[in-house]
Every structure is written in structure tokens, then in C-alpha cells.
Amino acid sequence: MITFEEHVRACPAVYFRVGKDSPELPTEILQQVVWDALHHGDGAHGQISVEIGSGLSFTVEDDHPRTADEQGRPLTGFFDSLLDKGRWAPAAAAVLSVRTVVEVRLGGRDYRQELAGATPVGAWEEFGTSRLSGTRTTFHLDASYCGPDEAIAWSLLPEELHGHECDALPSPVTFSIRDLRAEAEHSTGE
């Protein structure tokens, strides 16, 4: 039987609309993770933020509610990690990453876990307190898989990251995309 990880690596187009050899793969991975973060299970749009750190790294923060155990801690998800079992896009993106950091805010407490690919490096740990709730996930895509010369597209617009389903809803949520690559380019060129 093929595992989820093996299937993602063998058939990325099933998850990200393009194959391994496509220069659009990093952008499509970002787009699917954003689409997942933006859309709640009930069809409502959530609040999100997106930060592109480099050609192959990005962070998506969302306000998806998490389910807690009897002690108020998040339930484990994919790969016995903090990746929510109900959300396949971040799990598939983790499979194609060399490093993923998942931070969950739940019940006034913050939890963090690092993954190597989809495998937890260690147990998740509590690291602070917060009044916010939701998840912040940073992905560092695998250059040996995506291609060392591939990168997330420059100048992405929020409307490019909404799904086609958003057109049917009255007024999709807008959100900003902070591209640290562009900020670095402007600061060094001045």
C-alpha cells in the first residue's frame, strides 16, 4: 500500500495542479495552502496573512478553529503532528518541504512543532500564551524536489490566491501578501 507521503511525491499534480517538473510548482503549493487557510469547512472565509520569505519558503497564518483534548491541548493530526487532520494541503506541502514549523494558538496557549518533511523532529511543545487562535505554518520547500532554480512567482496578488469558488460568495475577504524578497530588493537598491 502506498503512503500519503509517497503519493504526494509521486503525483504532486493531484494535490497542486502541476507536476514535479513544472516551474509553477512552488507557486501552486503556496496557492493551495492559502486556499485551504482562507476557506473554513462551513464555506465561510477566514482571516489570513501570507509572507513569502524566499523563493522556496513561505508562511501562512489563519484563524481556523482547532479541536482540543480534555486538557485543552490541540489534537494531533497528520503524521502525529500539529498539522490538522482535516486539512490536506498543509500536510501535502510539508511532504514536499525540508523543514516545516507549525504553531497552533488554542485556549490562550501557544504550541510549536518542527517537522523534517512530514515527520515530526520531536514532540510539540508549549511556548507561550496568546489571546489569538489559529495556526501559523512556515514551509521551506525542498529545492532538490522542486528544482533549485524554481521559485514562488513574484508579485502574487491576493485575488490570484482565491479559489474559483470565491466568485460565488458576495465579497471575498482580502488579505495582504508580504513578500520579503521584494522588501530586501528595495532596501539594497536604495
C-alpha atoms as a PDB file:
ATOM      1  CA  MET A   1       0.000   0.000   0.000  1.00  0.00           C
ATOM      2  CA  ILE A   2       1.328   3.454  -0.915  1.00  0.00           C
ATOM      3  CA  THR A   3       1.594   6.037   1.874  1.00  0.00           C
ATOM      4  CA  PHE A   4       0.297   9.603   1.694  1.00  0.00           C
ATOM      5  CA  GLU A   5       3.874  10.895   1.525  1.00  0.00           C
ATOM      6  CA  GLU A   6       4.793   8.549  -1.330  1.00  0.00           C
ATOM      7  CA  HIS A   7       1.664   9.531  -3.240  1.00  0.00           C
ATOM      8  CA  VAL A   8       2.305  13.276  -2.864  1.00  0.00           C
ATOM      9  CA  ARG A   9       5.900  12.906  -4.085  1.00  0.00           C
ATOM     10  CA  ALA A  10       4.919  10.599  -6.972  1.00  0.00           C
ATOM     11  CA  CYS A  11       1.809  12.543  -8.065  1.00  0.00           C
ATOM     12  CA  PRO A  12       2.097  16.203  -6.974  1.00  0.00           C
ATOM     13  CA  ALA A  13      -0.385  17.281  -9.677  1.00  0.00           C
ATOM     14  CA  VAL A  14      -3.163  15.519  -7.738  1.00  0.00           C
ATOM     15  CA  TYR A  15      -2.560  17.974  -4.879  1.00  0.00           C
ATOM     16  CA  PHE A  16      -1.056  21.029  -6.566  1.00  0.00           C
ATOM     17  CA  ARG A  17      -2.391  21.004 -10.180  1.00  0.00           C
ATOM     18  CA  VAL A  18       1.081  20.730 -11.757  1.00  0.00           C
ATOM     19  CA  GLY A  19       3.745  18.053 -11.945  1.00  0.00           C
ATOM     20  CA  LYS A  20       7.195  17.860 -10.423  1.00  0.00           C
ATOM     21  CA  ASP A  21       8.920  19.291 -13.487  1.00  0.00           C
ATOM     22  CA  SER A  22       6.709  22.388 -13.680  1.00  0.00           C
ATOM     23  CA  PRO A  23       8.336  25.724 -12.818  1.00  0.00           C
ATOM     24  CA  GLU A  24       4.961  26.672 -11.325  1.00  0.00           C
ATOM     25  CA  LEU A  25       5.088  24.005  -8.589  1.00  0.00           C
ATOM     26  CA  PRO A  26       6.290  26.298  -5.737  1.00  0.00           C
ATOM     27  CA  THR A  27       3.606  28.866  -6.597  1.00  0.00           C
ATOM     28  CA  GLU A  28       0.913  26.191  -6.817  1.00  0.00           C
ATOM     29  CA  ILE A  29       1.929  24.773  -3.428  1.00  0.00           C
ATOM     30  CA  LEU A  30       1.591  28.250  -1.909  1.00  0.00           C
ATOM     31  CA  GLN A  31      -1.734  28.781  -3.672  1.00  0.00           C
ATOM     32  CA  GLN A  32      -3.259  25.536  -2.357  1.00  0.00           C
ATOM     33  CA  VAL A  33      -2.078  26.190   1.211  1.00  0.00           C
ATOM     34  CA  VAL A  34      -3.544  29.706   1.050  1.00  0.00           C
ATOM     35  CA  TRP A  35      -6.819  28.432  -0.405  1.00  0.00           C
ATOM     36  CA  ASP A  36      -7.025  25.906   2.441  1.00  0.00           C
ATOM     37  CA  ALA A  37      -6.315  28.591   5.056  1.00  0.00           C
ATOM     38  CA  LEU A  38      -8.813  31.027   3.580  1.00  0.00           C
ATOM     39  CA  HIS A  39     -11.763  28.630   3.414  1.00  0.00           C
ATOM     40  CA  HIS A  40     -13.360  27.254   6.550  1.00  0.00           C
ATOM     41  CA  GLY A  41     -15.256  23.971   6.456  1.00  0.00           C
ATOM     42  CA  ASP A  42     -18.606  25.780   6.660  1.00  0.00           C
ATOM     43  CA  GLY A  43     -17.901  27.749   3.465  1.00  0.00           C
ATOM     44  CA  ALA A  44     -17.011  30.998   5.253  1.00  0.00           C
ATOM     45  CA  HIS A  45     -13.806  32.892   4.563  1.00  0.00           C
ATOM     46  CA  GLY A  46     -11.327  33.225   7.399  1.00  0.00           C
ATOM     47  CA  GLN A  47      -8.747  35.864   8.210  1.00  0.00           C
ATOM     48  CA  ILE A  48      -5.279  35.029   6.944  1.00  0.00           C
ATOM     49  CA  SER A  49      -1.878  36.529   6.342  1.00  0.00           C
ATOM     50  CA  VAL A  50       0.778  35.387   3.890  1.00  0.00           C
ATOM     51  CA  GLU A  51       4.509  36.063   3.980  1.00  0.00           C
ATOM     52  CA  ILE A  52       6.933  34.927   1.292  1.00  0.00           C
ATOM     53  CA  GLY A  53      10.365  34.593   2.868  1.00  0.00           C
ATOM     54  CA  SER A  54      12.393  33.384  -0.101  1.00  0.00           C
ATOM     55  CA  GLY A  55      11.966  31.678  -3.441  1.00  0.00           C
ATOM     56  CA  LEU A  56      11.090  28.417  -1.714  1.00  0.00           C
ATOM     57  CA  SER A  57       9.794  29.440   1.723  1.00  0.00           C
ATOM     58  CA  PHE A  58       6.548  30.964   2.885  1.00  0.00           C
ATOM     59  CA  THR A  59       4.374  31.366   5.977  1.00  0.00           C
ATOM     60  CA  VAL A  60       0.586  31.255   6.125  1.00  0.00           C
ATOM     61  CA  GLU A  61      -1.319  32.242   9.250  1.00  0.00           C
ATOM     62  CA  ASP A  62      -5.049  31.574   9.630  1.00  0.00           C
ATOM     63  CA  ASP A  63      -7.876  31.633  12.154  1.00  0.00           C
ATOM     64  CA  HIS A  64      -9.194  28.084  11.638  1.00  0.00           C
ATOM     65  CA  PRO A  65     -10.594  26.746  14.902  1.00  0.00           C
ATOM     66  CA  ARG A  66      -8.792  23.701  16.336  1.00  0.00           C
ATOM     67  CA  THR A  67     -10.228  20.847  18.348  1.00  0.00           C
ATOM     68  CA  ALA A  68      -8.752  20.316  21.797  1.00  0.00           C
ATOM     69  CA  ASP A  69      -8.341  17.259  24.005  1.00  0.00           C
ATOM     70  CA  GLU A  70      -9.695  17.118  27.573  1.00  0.00           C
ATOM     71  CA  GLN A  71      -6.657  19.120  28.837  1.00  0.00           C
ATOM     72  CA  GLY A  72      -7.260  21.877  26.265  1.00  0.00           C
ATOM     73  CA  ARG A  73      -4.283  20.917  24.078  1.00  0.00           C
ATOM     74  CA  PRO A  74      -4.609  20.523  20.293  1.00  0.00           C
ATOM     75  CA  LEU A  75      -5.411  17.063  18.988  1.00  0.00           C
ATOM     76  CA  THR A  76      -2.647  15.540  16.885  1.00  0.00           C
ATOM     77  CA  GLY A  77      -3.193  15.352  13.162  1.00  0.00           C
ATOM     78  CA  PHE A  78      -1.282  14.162  10.108  1.00  0.00           C
ATOM     79  CA  PHE A  79       1.826  12.128  10.991  1.00  0.00           C
ATOM     80  CA  ASP A  80       1.045  12.556  14.739  1.00  0.00           C
ATOM     81  CA  SER A  81       1.953  16.228  14.375  1.00  0.00           C
ATOM     82  CA  LEU A  82       0.249  19.589  14.874  1.00  0.00           C
ATOM     83  CA  LEU A  83      -0.844  19.522  11.190  1.00  0.00           C
ATOM     84  CA  ASP A  84      -4.665  19.425  11.412  1.00  0.00           C
ATOM     85  CA  LYS A  85      -6.098  16.121  10.088  1.00  0.00           C
ATOM     86  CA  GLY A  86      -8.916  17.954   8.327  1.00  0.00           C
ATOM     87  CA  ARG A  87      -6.541  19.981   6.135  1.00  0.00           C
ATOM     88  CA  TRP A  88      -4.682  18.026   3.439  1.00  0.00           C
ATOM     89  CA  ALA A  89      -2.965  20.978   1.660  1.00  0.00           C
ATOM     90  CA  PRO A  90      -0.591  21.913   4.516  1.00  0.00           C
ATOM     91  CA  ALA A  91       0.167  18.212   5.065  1.00  0.00           C
ATOM     92  CA  ALA A  92       0.973  17.707   1.362  1.00  0.00           C
ATOM     93  CA  ALA A  93       3.115  20.879   1.360  1.00  0.00           C
ATOM     94  CA  ALA A  94       5.015  19.545   4.400  1.00  0.00           C
ATOM     95  CA  VAL A  95       5.763  16.356   2.464  1.00  0.00           C
ATOM     96  CA  LEU A  96       7.490  18.489  -0.208  1.00  0.00           C
ATOM     97  CA  SER A  97       9.402  20.569   2.362  1.00  0.00           C
ATOM     98  CA  VAL A  98      12.751  20.023   4.041  1.00  0.00           C
ATOM     99  CA  ARG A  99      11.502  21.866   7.129  1.00  0.00           C
ATOM    100  CA  THR A 100       8.062  22.897   8.350  1.00  0.00           C
ATOM    101  CA  VAL A 101       7.294  24.770  11.566  1.00  0.00           C
ATOM    102  CA  VAL A 102       3.709  24.555  12.841  1.00  0.00           C
ATOM    103  CA  GLU A 103       2.475  26.910  15.555  1.00  0.00           C
ATOM    104  CA  VAL A 104      -1.020  26.492  16.988  1.00  0.00           C
ATOM    105  CA  ARG A 105      -2.763  29.010  19.227  1.00  0.00           C
ATOM    106  CA  LEU A 106      -5.549  27.405  21.235  1.00  0.00           C
ATOM    107  CA  GLY A 107      -7.259  28.252  24.502  1.00  0.00           C
ATOM    108  CA  GLY A 108      -4.818  31.042  25.353  1.00  0.00           C
ATOM    109  CA  ARG A 109      -1.747  28.831  24.875  1.00  0.00           C
ATOM    110  CA  ASP A 110       0.721  28.500  22.007  1.00  0.00           C
ATOM    111  CA  TYR A 111       2.223  25.234  20.767  1.00  0.00           C
ATOM    112  CA  ARG A 112       5.080  24.700  18.291  1.00  0.00           C
ATOM    113  CA  GLN A 113       6.464  21.710  16.428  1.00  0.00           C
ATOM    114  CA  GLU A 114       9.132  21.320  13.771  1.00  0.00           C
ATOM    115  CA  LEU A 115       8.883  18.736  11.005  1.00  0.00           C
ATOM    116  CA  ALA A 116      11.519  17.381   8.626  1.00  0.00           C
ATOM    117  CA  GLY A 117       9.454  16.639   5.552  1.00  0.00           C
ATOM    118  CA  ALA A 118       6.255  15.295   7.087  1.00  0.00           C
ATOM    119  CA  THR A 119       7.991  13.673  10.053  1.00  0.00           C
ATOM    120  CA  PRO A 120       7.999  15.417  13.446  1.00  0.00           C
ATOM    121  CA  VAL A 121      11.537  16.196  14.623  1.00  0.00           C
ATOM    122  CA  GLY A 122      10.269  15.921  18.182  1.00  0.00           C
ATOM    123  CA  ALA A 123       7.177  16.298  20.298  1.00  0.00           C
ATOM    124  CA  TRP A 124       5.345  19.585  20.097  1.00  0.00           C
ATOM    125  CA  GLU A 125       5.914  21.965  22.963  1.00  0.00           C
ATOM    126  CA  GLU A 126       4.089  24.808  24.610  1.00  0.00           C
ATOM    127  CA  PHE A 127       5.960  28.067  24.094  1.00  0.00           C
ATOM    128  CA  GLY A 128       3.806  30.996  25.165  1.00  0.00           C
ATOM    129  CA  THR A 129       0.403  32.483  25.692  1.00  0.00           C
ATOM    130  CA  SER A 130      -1.846  34.247  23.258  1.00  0.00           C
ATOM    131  CA  ARG A 131      -5.342  35.638  23.036  1.00  0.00           C
ATOM    132  CA  LEU A 132      -5.439  34.719  19.353  1.00  0.00           C
ATOM    133  CA  SER A 133      -6.492  31.363  17.970  1.00  0.00           C
ATOM    134  CA  GLY A 134      -5.466  29.662  14.765  1.00  0.00           C
ATOM    135  CA  THR A 135      -2.423  28.230  13.053  1.00  0.00           C
ATOM    136  CA  ARG A 136       0.796  29.694  11.648  1.00  0.00           C
ATOM    137  CA  THR A 137       2.790  27.370   9.411  1.00  0.00           C
ATOM    138  CA  THR A 138       6.132  28.046   7.739  1.00  0.00           C
ATOM    139  CA  PHE A 139       7.235  25.831   4.866  1.00  0.00           C
ATOM    140  CA  HIS A 140      10.752  25.537   3.463  1.00  0.00           C
ATOM    141  CA  LEU A 141      10.215  23.674   0.194  1.00  0.00           C
ATOM    142  CA  ASP A 142      12.715  21.034  -0.887  1.00  0.00           C
ATOM    143  CA  ALA A 143      14.924  22.537  -3.628  1.00  0.00           C
ATOM    144  CA  SER A 144      16.038  19.059  -4.683  1.00  0.00           C
ATOM    145  CA  TYR A 145      12.392  18.194  -5.388  1.00  0.00           C
ATOM    146  CA  CYS A 146      11.044  21.496  -6.736  1.00  0.00           C
ATOM    147  CA  GLY A 147      14.202  22.321  -8.645  1.00  0.00           C
ATOM    148  CA  PRO A 148      16.996  24.583  -7.398  1.00  0.00           C
ATOM    149  CA  ASP A 149      16.156  27.256  -9.972  1.00  0.00           C
ATOM    150  CA  GLU A 150      12.407  27.303  -9.256  1.00  0.00           C
ATOM    151  CA  ALA A 151      10.742  29.879  -7.034  1.00  0.00           C
ATOM    152  CA  ILE A 152       7.404  31.212  -5.906  1.00  0.00           C
ATOM    153  CA  ALA A 153       6.189  33.689  -8.522  1.00  0.00           C
ATOM    154  CA  TRP A 154       6.953  37.329  -7.935  1.00  0.00           C
ATOM    155  CA  SER A 155       4.173  39.858  -7.481  1.00  0.00           C
ATOM    156  CA  LEU A 156       1.386  37.495  -6.495  1.00  0.00           C
ATOM    157  CA  LEU A 157      -1.907  39.238  -5.866  1.00  0.00           C
ATOM    158  CA  PRO A 158      -4.460  38.116  -3.247  1.00  0.00           C
ATOM    159  CA  GLU A 159      -7.121  37.613  -5.932  1.00  0.00           C
ATOM    160  CA  GLU A 160      -4.808  35.070  -7.612  1.00  0.00           C
ATOM    161  CA  LEU A 161      -4.873  33.020  -4.423  1.00  0.00           C
ATOM    162  CA  HIS A 162      -8.663  32.889  -4.059  1.00  0.00           C
ATOM    163  CA  GLY A 163     -10.331  29.799  -5.474  1.00  0.00           C
ATOM    164  CA  HIS A 164     -12.873  29.901  -8.283  1.00  0.00           C
ATOM    165  CA  GLU A 165     -15.488  29.091  -5.653  1.00  0.00           C
ATOM    166  CA  CYS A 166     -14.929  32.539  -4.137  1.00  0.00           C
ATOM    167  CA  ASP A 167     -16.646  34.160  -7.108  1.00  0.00           C
ATOM    168  CA  ALA A 168     -19.965  32.750  -5.879  1.00  0.00           C
ATOM    169  CA  LEU A 169     -19.636  34.401  -2.463  1.00  0.00           C
ATOM    170  CA  PRO A 170     -20.709  38.032  -2.130  1.00  0.00           C
ATOM    171  CA  SER A 171     -17.477  39.675  -1.009  1.00  0.00           C
ATOM    172  CA  PRO A 172     -14.366  37.553  -0.553  1.00  0.00           C
ATOM    173  CA  VAL A 173     -12.022  38.509   2.241  1.00  0.00           C
ATOM    174  CA  THR A 174      -8.990  40.475   1.141  1.00  0.00           C
ATOM    175  CA  PHE A 175      -5.608  39.876   2.667  1.00  0.00           C
ATOM    176  CA  SER A 176      -2.096  41.105   2.208  1.00  0.00           C
ATOM    177  CA  ILE A 177       0.865  39.197   0.881  1.00  0.00           C
ATOM    178  CA  ARG A 178       4.111  40.382   2.389  1.00  0.00           C
ATOM    179  CA  ASP A 179       6.960  39.486   0.064  1.00  0.00           C
ATOM    180  CA  LEU A 180      10.223  39.825   1.977  1.00  0.00           C
ATOM    181  CA  ARG A 181      12.161  39.255  -1.263  1.00  0.00           C
ATOM    182  CA  ALA A 182      10.748  42.475  -2.725  1.00  0.00           C
ATOM    183  CA  GLU A 183      11.423  44.369   0.518  1.00  0.00           C
ATOM    184  CA  ALA A 184      15.042  43.169   0.509  1.00  0.00           C
ATOM    185  CA  GLU A 185      15.456  44.132  -3.148  1.00  0.00           C
ATOM    186  CA  HIS A 186      14.164  47.658  -2.485  1.00  0.00           C
ATOM    187  CA  SER A 187      16.317  48.145   0.604  1.00  0.00           C
ATOM    188  CA  THR A 188      19.557  47.073  -1.070  1.00  0.00           C
ATOM    189  CA  GLY A 189      18.893  49.068  -4.221  1.00  0.00           C
ATOM    190  CA  GLU A 190      18.337  52.376  -2.480  1.00  0.00           C
END
